[in-house]
C-alpha atoms as a PDB file:
ATOM      1  CA  UNK A   1     277.885 123.138 340.777  1.00  0.00           C
ATOM      2  CA  UNK A   2     281.636 122.079 340.954  1.00  0.00           C
ATOM      3  CA  UNK A   3     280.865 118.455 342.555  1.00  0.00           C
ATOM      4  CA  UNK A   4     277.967 118.655 339.159  1.00  0.00           C
ATOM      5  CA  UNK A   5     280.566 119.432 336.792  1.00  0.00           C
ATOM      6  CA  UNK A   6     282.894 116.102 338.123  1.00  0.00           C
ATOM      7  CA  UNK A   7     280.209 113.930 337.412  1.00  0.00           C
ATOM      8  CA  UNK A   8     279.564 115.504 334.277  1.00  0.00           C
ATOM      9  CA  UNK A   9     283.060 115.205 333.407  1.00  0.00           C
ATOM     10  CA  UNK A  10     283.310 111.420 334.095  1.00  0.00           C
ATOM     11  CA  UNK A  11     280.107 110.801 332.444  1.00  0.00           C
ATOM     12  CA  UNK A  12     280.947 112.263 329.456  1.00  0.00           C
ATOM     13  CA  UNK A  13     284.991 111.327 328.854  1.00  0.00           C
ATOM     14  CA  UNK A  14     284.234 112.343 324.978  1.00  0.00           C
ATOM     15  CA  UNK A  15     283.144 115.547 325.553  1.00  0.00           C
ATOM     16  CA  UNK A  16     285.964 117.704 324.348  1.00  0.00           C
ATOM     17  CA  UNK A  17     286.495 116.107 321.397  1.00  0.00           C
ATOM     18  CA  UNK A  18     282.313 116.835 320.749  1.00  0.00           C
ATOM     19  CA  UNK A  19     283.193 120.567 321.455  1.00  0.00           C
ATOM     20  CA  UNK A  20     285.917 120.442 318.626  1.00  0.00           C
ATOM     21  CA  UNK A  21     283.555 119.309 316.073  1.00  0.00           C
ATOM     22  CA  UNK A  22     281.816 122.675 316.253  1.00  0.00           C
ATOM     23  CA  UNK A  23     284.638 124.966 315.963  1.00  0.00           C
ATOM     24  CA  UNK A  24     283.515 126.091 313.012  1.00  0.00           C
ATOM     25  CA  UNK A  25     281.390 128.413 314.331  1.00  0.00           C
ATOM     26  CA  UNK A  26     283.440 129.850 317.071  1.00  0.00           C
ATOM     27  CA  UNK A  27     285.816 130.558 314.504  1.00  0.00           C
ATOM     28  CA  UNK A  28     283.065 132.060 312.543  1.00  0.00           C
ATOM     29  CA  UNK A  29     282.230 134.688 315.458  1.00  0.00           C
ATOM     30  CA  UNK A  30     285.597 135.322 316.249  1.00  0.00           C
ATOM     31  CA  UNK A  31     286.206 136.278 313.216  1.00  0.00           C
ATOM     32  CA  UNK A  32     290.491 135.671 311.940  1.00  0.00           C
ATOM     33  CA  UNK A  33     291.236 134.702 315.246  1.00  0.00           C
ATOM     34  CA  UNK A  34     294.932 134.197 314.503  1.00  0.00           C
ATOM     35  CA  UNK A  35     296.334 133.466 318.490  1.00  0.00           C
ATOM     36  CA  UNK A  36     293.899 131.382 320.603  1.00  0.00           C
ATOM     37  CA  UNK A  37     294.115 131.364 324.333  1.00  0.00           C
ATOM     38  CA  UNK A  38     293.105 127.652 326.805  1.00  0.00           C
ATOM     39  CA  UNK A  39     294.120 126.622 329.487  1.00  0.00           C
ATOM     40  CA  UNK A  40     295.392 122.951 330.765  1.00  0.00           C
ATOM     41  CA  UNK A  41     292.127 121.786 332.570  1.00  0.00           C
ATOM     42  CA  UNK A  42     292.617 121.144 336.243  1.00  0.00           C
ATOM     43  CA  UNK A  43     290.005 119.187 337.919  1.00  0.00           C
ATOM     44  CA  UNK A  44     287.168 118.461 337.015  1.00  0.00           C
ATOM     45  CA  UNK A  45     287.388 121.125 334.178  1.00  0.00           C
ATOM     46  CA  UNK A  46     286.216 120.892 330.647  1.00  0.00           C
ATOM     47  CA  UNK A  47     289.139 119.268 328.689  1.00  0.00           C
ATOM     48  CA  UNK A  48     290.429 122.011 325.846  1.00  0.00           C
ATOM     49  CA  UNK A  49     292.761 119.669 324.757  1.00  0.00           C
ATOM     50  CA  UNK A  50     290.841 117.970 321.987  1.00  0.00           C
ATOM     51  CA  UNK A  51     290.433 122.200 320.995  1.00  0.00           C
ATOM     52  CA  UNK A  52     294.008 122.535 321.112  1.00  0.00           C
ATOM     53  CA  UNK A  53     294.788 119.792 318.427  1.00  0.00           C
ATOM     54  CA  UNK A  54     292.042 121.453 315.747  1.00  0.00           C
ATOM     55  CA  UNK A  55     292.603 124.806 316.784  1.00  0.00           C
ATOM     56  CA  UNK A  56     296.725 124.187 315.833  1.00  0.00           C
ATOM     57  CA  UNK A  57     295.161 121.975 312.502  1.00  0.00           C
ATOM     58  CA  UNK A  58     293.641 125.009 311.108  1.00  0.00           C
ATOM     59  CA  UNK A  59     296.628 127.072 311.315  1.00  0.00           C
ATOM     60  CA  UNK A  60     295.528 129.136 315.087  1.00  0.00           C
ATOM     61  CA  UNK A  61     298.535 129.862 317.044  1.00  0.00           C
ATOM     62  CA  UNK A  62     298.105 128.796 320.603  1.00  0.00           C
ATOM     63  CA  UNK A  63     298.855 130.258 324.115  1.00  0.00           C
ATOM     64  CA  UNK A  64     297.887 129.114 327.650  1.00  0.00           C
ATOM     65  CA  UNK A  65     297.468 131.053 330.583  1.00  0.00           C
ATOM     66  CA  UNK A  66     300.648 131.954 332.978  1.00  0.00           C
ATOM     67  CA  UNK A  67     300.048 133.577 336.764  1.00  0.00           C
ATOM     68  CA  UNK A  68     302.883 135.713 337.853  1.00  0.00           C
ATOM     69  CA  UNK A  69     301.829 136.668 340.800  1.00  0.00           C
ATOM     70  CA  UNK A  70     298.444 136.967 343.026  1.00  0.00           C
ATOM     71  CA  UNK A  71     296.157 138.901 341.880  1.00  0.00           C
ATOM     72  CA  UNK A  72     297.811 140.111 338.590  1.00  0.00           C
ATOM     73  CA  UNK A  73     296.131 139.196 335.396  1.00  0.00           C
ATOM     74  CA  UNK A  74     297.191 136.221 333.788  1.00  0.00           C
ATOM     75  CA  UNK A  75     299.776 136.332 330.586  1.00  0.00           C
ATOM     76  CA  UNK A  76     299.219 133.941 327.598  1.00  0.00           C
ATOM     77  CA  UNK A  77     302.102 132.307 326.570  1.00  0.00           C
ATOM     78  CA  UNK A  78     303.060 130.277 323.343  1.00  0.00           C
ATOM     79  CA  UNK A  79     302.301 126.655 323.620  1.00  0.00           C
ATOM     80  CA  UNK A  80     301.597 123.586 321.495  1.00  0.00           C
ATOM     81  CA  UNK A  81     300.591 120.351 322.753  1.00  0.00           C
ATOM     82  CA  UNK A  82     303.461 118.417 324.096  1.00  0.00           C
ATOM     83  CA  UNK A  83     305.051 121.290 325.438  1.00  0.00           C
ATOM     84  CA  UNK A  84     306.574 121.257 328.552  1.00  0.00           C
ATOM     85  CA  UNK A  85     305.196 123.199 331.330  1.00  0.00           C
ATOM     86  CA  UNK A  86     305.624 124.167 335.079  1.00  0.00           C
ATOM     87  CA  UNK A  87     303.612 125.566 338.350  1.00  0.00           C
ATOM     88  CA  UNK A  88     303.128 129.372 337.855  1.00  0.00           C
ATOM     89  CA  UNK A  89     302.442 131.571 340.873  1.00  0.00           C
ATOM     90  CA  UNK A  90     299.419 129.784 341.225  1.00  0.00           C
ATOM     91  CA  UNK A  91     300.397 126.399 341.398  1.00  0.00           C
ATOM     92  CA  UNK A  92     298.705 125.801 338.041  1.00  0.00           C
ATOM     93  CA  UNK A  93     300.335 124.244 334.760  1.00  0.00           C
ATOM     94  CA  UNK A  94     301.722 126.817 332.417  1.00  0.00           C
ATOM     95  CA  UNK A  95     303.892 126.703 329.627  1.00  0.00           C
ATOM     96  CA  UNK A  96     307.896 127.492 330.648  1.00  0.00           C
ATOM     97  CA  UNK A  97     308.541 131.525 331.721  1.00  0.00           C
ATOM     98  CA  UNK A  98     310.630 131.606 328.483  1.00  0.00           C
ATOM     99  CA  UNK A  99     307.567 130.826 326.177  1.00  0.00           C
ATOM    100  CA  UNK A 100     306.791 133.881 323.991  1.00  0.00           C
ATOM    101  CA  UNK A 101     304.263 136.288 325.211  1.00  0.00           C
ATOM    102  CA  UNK A 102     301.050 136.189 322.803  1.00  0.00           C
ATOM    103  CA  UNK A 103     298.519 138.433 322.578  1.00  0.00           C
ATOM    104  CA  UNK A 104     295.086 136.307 322.345  1.00  0.00           C
ATOM    105  CA  UNK A 105     292.149 137.166 319.636  1.00  0.00           C
ATOM    106  CA  UNK A 106     290.122 134.645 320.879  1.00  0.00           C
ATOM    107  CA  UNK A 107     289.854 133.714 324.669  1.00  0.00           C
ATOM    108  CA  UNK A 108     288.451 130.440 326.099  1.00  0.00           C
ATOM    109  CA  UNK A 109     287.223 130.578 329.523  1.00  0.00           C
ATOM    110  CA  UNK A 110     287.060 127.730 331.975  1.00  0.00           C
ATOM    111  CA  UNK A 111     283.801 127.591 334.296  1.00  0.00           C
ATOM    112  CA  UNK A 112     281.947 126.304 337.142  1.00  0.00           C
ATOM    113  CA  UNK A 113     278.132 127.332 335.482  1.00  0.00           C
ATOM    114  CA  UNK A 114     276.864 129.934 332.876  1.00  0.00           C
ATOM    115  CA  UNK A 115     274.059 131.849 332.031  1.00  0.00           C
ATOM    116  CA  UNK A 116     272.720 132.001 328.472  1.00  0.00           C
ATOM    117  CA  UNK A 117     273.627 135.950 329.078  1.00  0.00           C
ATOM    118  CA  UNK A 118     277.259 135.701 329.100  1.00  0.00           C
ATOM    119  CA  UNK A 119     277.407 135.191 332.642  1.00  0.00           C
ATOM    120  CA  UNK A 120     279.946 133.302 334.188  1.00  0.00           C
ATOM    121  CA  UNK A 121     280.963 131.839 337.644  1.00  0.00           C
ATOM    122  CA  UNK A 122     284.502 131.035 337.248  1.00  0.00           C
ATOM    123  CA  UNK A 123     286.452 128.784 340.458  1.00  0.00           C
ATOM    124  CA  UNK A 124     286.592 131.500 343.040  1.00  0.00           C
ATOM    125  CA  UNK A 125     290.503 133.048 342.733  1.00  0.00           C
ATOM    126  CA  UNK A 126     289.726 135.710 340.605  1.00  0.00           C
ATOM    127  CA  UNK A 127     292.585 135.192 337.885  1.00  0.00           C
ATOM    128  CA  UNK A 128     289.998 135.040 335.125  1.00  0.00           C
ATOM    129  CA  UNK A 129     287.896 137.875 336.394  1.00  0.00           C
ATOM    130  CA  UNK A 130     291.084 139.999 335.730  1.00  0.00           C
ATOM    131  CA  UNK A 131     292.411 138.881 332.868  1.00  0.00           C
ATOM    132  CA  UNK A 132     289.114 139.273 331.278  1.00  0.00           C
ATOM    133  CA  UNK A 133     288.359 142.758 332.466  1.00  0.00           C
ATOM    134  CA  UNK A 134     291.755 143.777 331.532  1.00  0.00           C
ATOM    135  CA  UNK A 135     291.849 142.707 328.151  1.00  0.00           C
ATOM    136  CA  UNK A 136     288.282 144.224 327.687  1.00  0.00           C
ATOM    137  CA  UNK A 137     289.771 147.158 326.843  1.00  0.00           C
ATOM    138  CA  UNK A 138     292.223 146.121 324.203  1.00  0.00           C
ATOM    139  CA  UNK A 139     290.762 147.461 320.471  1.00  0.00           C
ATOM    140  CA  UNK A 140     289.584 145.085 319.131  1.00  0.00           C
ATOM    141  CA  UNK A 141     288.298 143.475 322.194  1.00  0.00           C
ATOM    142  CA  UNK A 142     289.134 139.178 321.665  1.00  0.00           C
ATOM    143  CA  UNK A 143     286.459 136.850 321.846  1.00  0.00           C
ATOM    144  CA  UNK A 144     285.722 135.543 325.240  1.00  0.00           C
ATOM    145  CA  UNK A 145     283.991 132.225 324.754  1.00  0.00           C
ATOM    146  CA  UNK A 146     283.652 130.014 327.880  1.00  0.00           C
ATOM    147  CA  UNK A 147     283.941 126.253 327.859  1.00  0.00           C
ATOM    148  CA  UNK A 148     282.394 123.439 329.556  1.00  0.00           C
ATOM    149  CA  UNK A 149     279.496 121.029 329.506  1.00  0.00           C
ATOM    150  CA  UNK A 150     275.677 121.764 328.984  1.00  0.00           C
ATOM    151  CA  UNK A 151     274.712 120.836 331.978  1.00  0.00           C
ATOM    152  CA  UNK A 152     276.934 123.457 333.688  1.00  0.00           C
ATOM    153  CA  UNK A 153     274.149 125.819 332.479  1.00  0.00           C
ATOM    154  CA  UNK A 154     271.736 127.547 334.963  1.00  0.00           C
ATOM    155  CA  UNK A 155     268.857 130.103 334.929  1.00  0.00           C
ATOM    156  CA  UNK A 156     271.075 133.228 335.882  1.00  0.00           C
ATOM    157  CA  UNK A 157     274.654 133.492 337.176  1.00  0.00           C
ATOM    158  CA  UNK A 158     275.037 136.419 339.656  1.00  0.00           C
ATOM    159  CA  UNK A 159     277.450 139.357 338.131  1.00  0.00           C
ATOM    160  CA  UNK A 160     279.313 141.976 339.676  1.00  0.00           C
ATOM    161  CA  UNK A 161     279.774 145.018 337.986  1.00  0.00           C
ATOM    162  CA  UNK A 162     283.368 144.261 337.581  1.00  0.00           C
ATOM    163  CA  UNK A 163     282.687 140.540 335.744  1.00  0.00           C
ATOM    164  CA  UNK A 164     282.704 140.756 331.816  1.00  0.00           C
ATOM    165  CA  UNK A 165     280.353 138.976 329.950  1.00  0.00           C
ATOM    166  CA  UNK A 166     281.165 135.701 327.794  1.00  0.00           C
ATOM    167  CA  UNK A 167     280.443 136.139 324.176  1.00  0.00           C
ATOM    168  CA  UNK A 168     279.476 132.387 323.800  1.00  0.00           C
ATOM    169  CA  UNK A 169     279.808 129.130 325.427  1.00  0.00           C
ATOM    170  CA  UNK A 170     281.009 126.039 323.784  1.00  0.00           C
ATOM    171  CA  UNK A 171     279.865 122.730 325.083  1.00  0.00           C
ATOM    172  CA  UNK A 172     279.368 118.959 324.135  1.00  0.00           C
ATOM    173  CA  UNK A 173     276.376 120.536 321.680  1.00  0.00           C
ATOM    174  CA  UNK A 174     277.702 122.858 319.796  1.00  0.00           C
ATOM    175  CA  UNK A 175     278.099 126.812 320.353  1.00  0.00           C
ATOM    176  CA  UNK A 176     275.525 129.194 321.805  1.00  0.00           C
ATOM    177  CA  UNK A 177     275.971 132.591 321.584  1.00  0.00           C
ATOM    178  CA  UNK A 178     275.061 134.997 324.105  1.00  0.00           C
ATOM    179  CA  UNK A 179     272.113 136.969 324.639  1.00  0.00           C
ATOM    180  CA  UNK A 180     271.898 140.202 324.297  1.00  0.00           C
ATOM    181  CA  UNK A 181     268.312 141.139 325.568  1.00  0.00           C
ATOM    182  CA  UNK A 182     269.335 141.888 328.868  1.00  0.00           C
END
């Protein structure tokens, strides 16, 4: 699936901008989202930066993840396009450790594969699994939206009891709410 994602990214360099054109459907599902968590793309991950620009233009504050320790959930810190970043505990680009910590009510999640039932296959490090599990305990629970290419959809992603379901997935073709008939 990583090889497929790499090929999809090479074939569709404008996919992030195309996905951002469908942002209104996500915001309608999220209600009055004030803080949206995104990610800085690594390797062949779906480019979230056009979405960051579109959210910022709508007055939504942006937050990016920061890993503090292996095995711990991610924290989210204020970030805007052009802000400085540094490597966090996982080696990923993250906001500076002095950036304001925020609690998102909308979380865009990177993925390797997804299904229509809200199943998501991640990179394998477990950072987002732990983070979504922790965020799911909040009231109100944030909306979890996978961000990826339509070609990353599979029939079914194997899920374990601790896996948190996505509420939907945003691709270059639009927003697809997760099916609840499972």
